[in-house]
Amino acid sequence: MRPTRDKAPPGVPRALSGFFAQGRLTAIPVRPAVRRELLSHLTDSFFDPDRSYSEREVNDAFRTVHDDTSALRRYCVESGLLVRERDGSSYRRVSGPAETTGTG
């Protein structure tokens, strides 16, 4: 029997592939370092650092891999990977070292 090739989406780091099944994220890692690696991969994959995204756009992107979009969004803001405008109107990906200007 051949191994399943569609376990994780293309481009997912090997260390994270165990968190995926049939192209979907099955669990958000509990260990902070692993969770950070996953979130970094997702934000790099979904968001261009040169533009802002509405909350709906962020949710739509995350929904392609996991149904708990609010948790993914919150973890990304807390990790400094996404910055949310104070009024909640938009999000943008942080480029380079994580900034801590997000207001969560």
N, C-alpha and C. Protein backbone atom coordinates (compact mmCIF):
# COMPACT_ATOMS: atom_id res chain seq x y z
N MET A 1 0.85 -1.18 0.00
CA MET A 1 0.00 0.00 0.00
C MET A 1 0.89 1.24 0.00
N ARG A 2 0.59 2.21 -0.87
CA ARG A 2 1.38 3.43 -0.98
C ARG A 2 0.98 4.43 0.11
N PRO A 3 1.94 5.21 0.62
CA PRO A 3 1.61 6.20 1.63
C PRO A 3 0.74 7.30 1.03
N THR A 4 -0.08 7.90 1.85
CA THR A 4 -0.95 8.99 1.42
C THR A 4 -0.11 10.21 1.10
N ARG A 5 -0.32 10.79 -0.07
CA ARG A 5 0.45 11.95 -0.47
C ARG A 5 -0.29 13.24 -0.17
N ASP A 6 -1.59 13.16 0.14
CA ASP A 6 -2.36 14.38 0.36
C ASP A 6 -2.59 14.67 1.84
N LYS A 7 -1.72 14.16 2.68
CA LYS A 7 -1.86 14.36 4.12
C LYS A 7 -1.79 15.84 4.48
N ALA A 8 -0.75 16.52 4.01
CA ALA A 8 -0.57 17.95 4.27
C ALA A 8 -0.53 18.68 2.93
N PRO A 9 -0.95 19.94 2.92
CA PRO A 9 -0.87 20.71 1.67
C PRO A 9 0.58 20.85 1.22
N PRO A 10 0.81 21.06 -0.06
CA PRO A 10 2.17 21.26 -0.56
C PRO A 10 2.85 22.42 0.15
N GLY A 11 4.13 22.26 0.42
CA GLY A 11 4.90 23.33 1.03
C GLY A 11 4.91 23.32 2.55
N VAL A 12 4.12 22.46 3.17
CA VAL A 12 4.10 22.40 4.64
C VAL A 12 5.40 21.74 5.09
N PRO A 13 6.12 22.39 6.02
CA PRO A 13 7.36 21.78 6.52
C PRO A 13 7.10 20.39 7.07
N ARG A 14 8.05 19.50 6.85
CA ARG A 14 7.89 18.11 7.28
C ARG A 14 7.56 17.99 8.77
N ALA A 15 8.17 18.83 9.59
CA ALA A 15 7.94 18.78 11.04
C ALA A 15 6.49 19.09 11.41
N LEU A 16 5.77 19.74 10.50
CA LEU A 16 4.37 20.11 10.77
C LEU A 16 3.36 19.20 10.09
N SER A 17 3.82 18.31 9.23
CA SER A 17 2.90 17.51 8.43
C SER A 17 1.99 16.62 9.28
N GLY A 18 2.42 16.24 10.48
CA GLY A 18 1.59 15.42 11.35
C GLY A 18 0.37 16.13 11.90
N PHE A 19 0.31 17.43 11.75
CA PHE A 19 -0.85 18.19 12.21
C PHE A 19 -1.92 18.32 11.13
N PHE A 20 -1.68 17.71 9.97
CA PHE A 20 -2.60 17.81 8.84
C PHE A 20 -3.12 16.44 8.44
N ALA A 21 -4.33 16.41 7.93
CA ALA A 21 -4.90 15.22 7.32
C ALA A 21 -5.79 15.69 6.17
N GLN A 22 -5.61 15.10 5.02
CA GLN A 22 -6.37 15.44 3.83
C GLN A 22 -6.35 16.95 3.56
N GLY A 23 -5.18 17.55 3.76
CA GLY A 23 -5.00 18.96 3.46
C GLY A 23 -5.54 19.93 4.50
N ARG A 24 -6.08 19.41 5.60
CA ARG A 24 -6.67 20.26 6.65
C ARG A 24 -5.87 20.13 7.94
N LEU A 25 -5.78 21.22 8.65
CA LEU A 25 -5.14 21.24 9.96
C LEU A 25 -6.08 20.55 10.94
N THR A 26 -5.60 19.49 11.58
CA THR A 26 -6.45 18.72 12.48
C THR A 26 -6.33 19.17 13.93
N ALA A 27 -5.22 19.85 14.27
CA ALA A 27 -5.02 20.35 15.62
C ALA A 27 -4.04 21.51 15.58
N ILE A 28 -4.25 22.46 16.46
CA ILE A 28 -3.31 23.56 16.63
C ILE A 28 -2.31 23.12 17.68
N PRO A 29 -1.02 23.12 17.36
CA PRO A 29 -0.03 22.64 18.33
C PRO A 29 -0.10 23.37 19.67
N VAL A 30 0.11 22.62 20.74
CA VAL A 30 0.10 23.18 22.08
C VAL A 30 1.46 23.78 22.42
N ARG A 31 2.53 23.10 22.03
CA ARG A 31 3.88 23.60 22.32
C ARG A 31 4.10 24.92 21.60
N PRO A 32 4.47 25.98 22.33
CA PRO A 32 4.60 27.31 21.73
C PRO A 32 5.55 27.37 20.53
N ALA A 33 6.68 26.69 20.57
CA ALA A 33 7.64 26.76 19.47
C ALA A 33 7.06 26.12 18.20
N VAL A 34 6.36 25.00 18.38
CA VAL A 34 5.76 24.31 17.23
C VAL A 34 4.59 25.13 16.70
N ARG A 35 3.78 25.67 17.61
CA ARG A 35 2.65 26.51 17.19
C ARG A 35 3.16 27.71 16.41
N ARG A 36 4.22 28.33 16.91
CA ARG A 36 4.81 29.50 16.22
C ARG A 36 5.28 29.12 14.82
N GLU A 37 5.91 27.96 14.69
CA GLU A 37 6.37 27.51 13.37
C GLU A 37 5.18 27.33 12.42
N LEU A 38 4.10 26.73 12.92
CA LEU A 38 2.91 26.53 12.11
C LEU A 38 2.31 27.88 11.70
N LEU A 39 2.15 28.78 12.66
CA LEU A 39 1.56 30.08 12.38
C LEU A 39 2.41 30.88 11.39
N SER A 40 3.70 30.79 11.54
CA SER A 40 4.61 31.47 10.63
C SER A 40 4.44 30.91 9.22
N HIS A 41 4.33 29.60 9.10
CA HIS A 41 4.12 28.98 7.79
C HIS A 41 2.80 29.47 7.19
N LEU A 42 1.73 29.49 7.99
CA LEU A 42 0.43 29.91 7.47
C LEU A 42 0.43 31.37 7.05
N THR A 43 0.99 32.24 7.88
CA THR A 43 0.98 33.67 7.51
C THR A 43 1.85 33.91 6.28
N ASP A 44 2.98 33.23 6.19
CA ASP A 44 3.83 33.38 5.00
C ASP A 44 3.11 32.87 3.75
N SER A 45 2.31 31.83 3.91
CA SER A 45 1.61 31.23 2.77
C SER A 45 0.40 32.05 2.32
N PHE A 46 -0.31 32.62 3.28
CA PHE A 46 -1.59 33.27 2.96
C PHE A 46 -1.54 34.77 2.75
N PHE A 47 -0.58 35.45 3.38
CA PHE A 47 -0.66 36.91 3.42
C PHE A 47 0.58 37.57 2.86
N ASP A 48 0.36 38.57 2.04
CA ASP A 48 1.42 39.39 1.46
C ASP A 48 1.72 40.51 2.44
N PRO A 49 2.99 40.74 2.78
CA PRO A 49 3.30 41.79 3.76
C PRO A 49 3.04 43.20 3.24
N ASP A 50 2.81 43.35 1.95
CA ASP A 50 2.63 44.67 1.36
C ASP A 50 1.18 45.11 1.26
N ARG A 51 0.27 44.40 1.90
CA ARG A 51 -1.12 44.83 1.86
C ARG A 51 -1.84 44.51 3.16
N SER A 52 -2.97 45.17 3.35
CA SER A 52 -3.82 44.93 4.52
C SER A 52 -4.96 44.02 4.12
N TYR A 53 -5.46 43.29 5.11
CA TYR A 53 -6.55 42.35 4.90
C TYR A 53 -7.67 42.63 5.87
N SER A 54 -8.91 42.52 5.42
CA SER A 54 -10.05 42.65 6.31
C SER A 54 -10.12 41.38 7.18
N GLU A 55 -10.87 41.46 8.26
CA GLU A 55 -11.03 40.28 9.11
C GLU A 55 -11.65 39.14 8.31
N ARG A 56 -12.57 39.47 7.45
CA ARG A 56 -13.21 38.44 6.63
C ARG A 56 -12.19 37.75 5.72
N GLU A 57 -11.29 38.51 5.12
CA GLU A 57 -10.26 37.92 4.26
C GLU A 57 -9.34 37.01 5.07
N VAL A 58 -8.98 37.44 6.27
CA VAL A 58 -8.13 36.61 7.13
C VAL A 58 -8.86 35.32 7.48
N ASN A 59 -10.13 35.44 7.87
CA ASN A 59 -10.93 34.25 8.20
C ASN A 59 -11.05 33.32 7.00
N ASP A 60 -11.32 33.88 5.82
CA ASP A 60 -11.46 33.05 4.62
C ASP A 60 -10.18 32.28 4.33
N ALA A 61 -9.03 32.94 4.49
CA ALA A 61 -7.75 32.27 4.25
C ALA A 61 -7.55 31.13 5.26
N PHE A 62 -7.73 31.42 6.55
CA PHE A 62 -7.53 30.39 7.57
C PHE A 62 -8.54 29.26 7.44
N ARG A 63 -9.77 29.57 7.02
CA ARG A 63 -10.80 28.55 6.89
C ARG A 63 -10.44 27.48 5.86
N THR A 64 -9.52 27.81 4.95
CA THR A 64 -9.12 26.80 3.96
C THR A 64 -8.38 25.64 4.61
N VAL A 65 -7.84 25.86 5.84
CA VAL A 65 -7.12 24.78 6.52
C VAL A 65 -7.71 24.39 7.88
N HIS A 66 -8.52 25.27 8.48
CA HIS A 66 -9.04 24.98 9.82
C HIS A 66 -10.30 25.81 10.09
N ASP A 67 -11.25 25.23 10.82
CA ASP A 67 -12.51 25.93 11.09
C ASP A 67 -12.41 26.96 12.21
N ASP A 68 -11.45 26.82 13.13
CA ASP A 68 -11.34 27.77 14.24
C ASP A 68 -10.49 28.97 13.82
N THR A 69 -11.08 29.80 12.97
CA THR A 69 -10.36 30.95 12.43
C THR A 69 -10.03 31.97 13.50
N SER A 70 -10.91 32.14 14.49
CA SER A 70 -10.64 33.14 15.54
C SER A 70 -9.42 32.75 16.37
N ALA A 71 -9.23 31.46 16.62
CA ALA A 71 -8.05 31.02 17.38
C ALA A 71 -6.78 31.27 16.57
N LEU A 72 -6.80 30.91 15.30
CA LEU A 72 -5.62 31.13 14.46
C LEU A 72 -5.30 32.62 14.35
N ARG A 73 -6.32 33.43 14.17
CA ARG A 73 -6.13 34.89 14.08
C ARG A 73 -5.53 35.43 15.38
N ARG A 74 -6.11 35.04 16.49
CA ARG A 74 -5.64 35.51 17.81
C ARG A 74 -4.19 35.07 18.06
N TYR A 75 -3.87 33.80 17.79
CA TYR A 75 -2.50 33.32 17.98
C TYR A 75 -1.52 34.09 17.10
N CYS A 76 -1.92 34.39 15.88
CA CYS A 76 -1.02 35.13 14.98
C CYS A 76 -0.77 36.54 15.48
N VAL A 77 -1.80 37.18 16.03
CA VAL A 77 -1.62 38.54 16.58
C VAL A 77 -0.76 38.46 17.84
N GLU A 78 -1.06 37.52 18.72
CA GLU A 78 -0.28 37.37 19.95
C GLU A 78 1.18 37.05 19.68
N SER A 79 1.44 36.32 18.60
CA SER A 79 2.81 35.95 18.24
C SER A 79 3.54 37.04 17.48
N GLY A 80 2.84 38.10 17.14
CA GLY A 80 3.46 39.19 16.40
C GLY A 80 3.62 38.91 14.92
N LEU A 81 2.90 37.93 14.40
CA LEU A 81 2.97 37.60 12.98
C LEU A 81 1.98 38.42 12.16
N LEU A 82 0.85 38.76 12.77
CA LEU A 82 -0.12 39.67 12.17
C LEU A 82 -0.31 40.84 13.12
N VAL A 83 -0.48 42.01 12.55
CA VAL A 83 -0.78 43.21 13.34
C VAL A 83 -2.20 43.62 13.01
N ARG A 84 -2.99 43.83 14.05
CA ARG A 84 -4.37 44.24 13.88
C ARG A 84 -4.48 45.72 14.16
N GLU A 85 -5.20 46.44 13.31
CA GLU A 85 -5.46 47.85 13.58
C GLU A 85 -6.24 47.97 14.88
N ARG A 86 -6.01 49.03 15.60
CA ARG A 86 -6.64 49.22 16.90
C ARG A 86 -8.17 49.10 16.82
N ASP A 87 -8.75 49.59 15.73
CA ASP A 87 -10.20 49.53 15.58
C ASP A 87 -10.69 48.19 15.01
N GLY A 88 -9.77 47.28 14.75
CA GLY A 88 -10.13 45.95 14.26
C GLY A 88 -10.51 45.92 12.79
N SER A 89 -10.28 47.01 12.08
CA SER A 89 -10.72 47.10 10.69
C SER A 89 -9.85 46.31 9.72
N SER A 90 -8.59 46.09 10.06
CA SER A 90 -7.73 45.36 9.14
C SER A 90 -6.54 44.73 9.86
N TYR A 91 -5.93 43.80 9.14
CA TYR A 91 -4.77 43.07 9.62
C TYR A 91 -3.71 43.15 8.54
N ARG A 92 -2.46 43.08 8.96
CA ARG A 92 -1.38 42.96 7.98
C ARG A 92 -0.31 42.04 8.54
N ARG A 93 0.37 41.38 7.62
CA ARG A 93 1.45 40.47 7.99
C ARG A 93 2.69 41.29 8.33
N VAL A 94 3.36 40.91 9.38
CA VAL A 94 4.60 41.56 9.78
C VAL A 94 5.71 40.94 8.95
N SER A 95 6.53 41.79 8.36
CA SER A 95 7.66 41.27 7.61
C SER A 95 8.91 41.43 8.46
N GLY A 96 9.82 40.50 8.35
CA GLY A 96 11.03 40.55 9.15
C GLY A 96 10.78 40.08 10.56
N PRO A 97 11.66 40.46 11.52
CA PRO A 97 11.48 40.04 12.91
C PRO A 97 10.14 40.49 13.45
N ALA A 98 9.54 39.66 14.28
CA ALA A 98 8.21 39.96 14.82
C ALA A 98 8.19 41.28 15.55
N GLU A 99 7.19 42.08 15.19
CA GLU A 99 6.97 43.34 15.88
C GLU A 99 5.97 43.09 17.01
N THR A 100 5.95 43.98 17.95
CA THR A 100 5.02 43.82 19.06
C THR A 100 4.05 44.97 19.12
N THR A 101 3.69 45.53 17.94
CA THR A 101 2.78 46.67 17.90
C THR A 101 1.34 46.24 17.81
N GLY A 102 1.05 44.96 17.66
CA GLY A 102 -0.33 44.49 17.56
C GLY A 102 -1.08 44.71 18.86
N THR A 103 -2.37 44.99 18.74
CA THR A 103 -3.16 45.27 19.93
C THR A 103 -4.06 44.12 20.31
N GLY A 104 -4.03 43.04 19.49
CA GLY A 104 -4.80 41.85 19.81
C GLY A 104 -6.21 42.11 19.72
